[in-house]
Amino acid sequence: MTPKSEQLVDLIFKKLKNYENKKIFLERESLNKFVLSLFKGN
């Protein structure tokens, strides 16, 4: 994973973890796999 995509995953993870209206159960590794699958899909 490139440093740029790693930063993107970190940013999304932090934003979702700080979302207060709903509880979001999220693991960073799961998000990482999801983002990678999006990049590979194109």
Protein backbone atom coordinates (compact mmCIF):
# COMPACT_ATOMS: atom_id res chain seq x y z
CA MET A 1 0.00 0.00 0.00
CA THR A 2 1.34 3.39 -0.91
CA PRO A 3 1.88 6.05 1.77
CA LYS A 4 -0.85 8.18 0.18
CA SER A 5 -3.45 5.41 0.38
CA GLU A 6 -2.30 4.58 3.91
CA GLN A 7 -2.96 8.20 4.90
CA LEU A 8 -6.39 8.00 3.28
CA VAL A 9 -7.28 4.89 5.29
CA ASP A 10 -6.07 6.57 8.50
CA LEU A 11 -8.13 9.68 7.80
CA ILE A 12 -11.30 7.71 7.05
CA PHE A 13 -10.77 5.52 10.11
CA LYS A 14 -10.35 8.52 12.43
CA LYS A 15 -13.39 10.29 11.00
CA LEU A 16 -15.60 7.23 11.35
CA LYS A 17 -14.40 6.46 14.87
CA ASN A 18 -15.23 10.02 15.97
CA TYR A 19 -18.72 9.94 14.47
CA GLU A 20 -20.98 10.39 17.50
CA ASN A 21 -24.51 10.02 16.12
CA LYS A 22 -24.23 6.25 15.75
CA LYS A 23 -21.93 3.66 17.18
CA ILE A 24 -19.67 2.29 14.49
CA PHE A 25 -17.83 -0.95 15.14
CA LEU A 26 -14.85 -0.77 12.86
CA GLU A 27 -11.44 -2.34 12.84
CA ARG A 28 -8.66 -0.59 10.99
CA GLU A 29 -7.60 -3.79 9.23
CA SER A 30 -11.11 -4.35 7.89
CA LEU A 31 -11.23 -0.80 6.56
CA ASN A 32 -7.80 -1.28 5.01
CA LYS A 33 -8.96 -4.42 3.17
CA PHE A 34 -12.10 -2.65 1.96
CA VAL A 35 -10.16 0.31 0.57
CA LEU A 36 -7.68 -2.02 -1.14
CA SER A 37 -10.56 -3.88 -2.76
CA LEU A 38 -11.88 -0.59 -4.12
CA PHE A 39 -8.51 0.25 -5.64
CA LYS A 40 -8.21 -3.21 -7.21
CA GLY A 41 -11.75 -3.02 -8.62
CA ASN A 42 -10.78 -0.26 -11.04
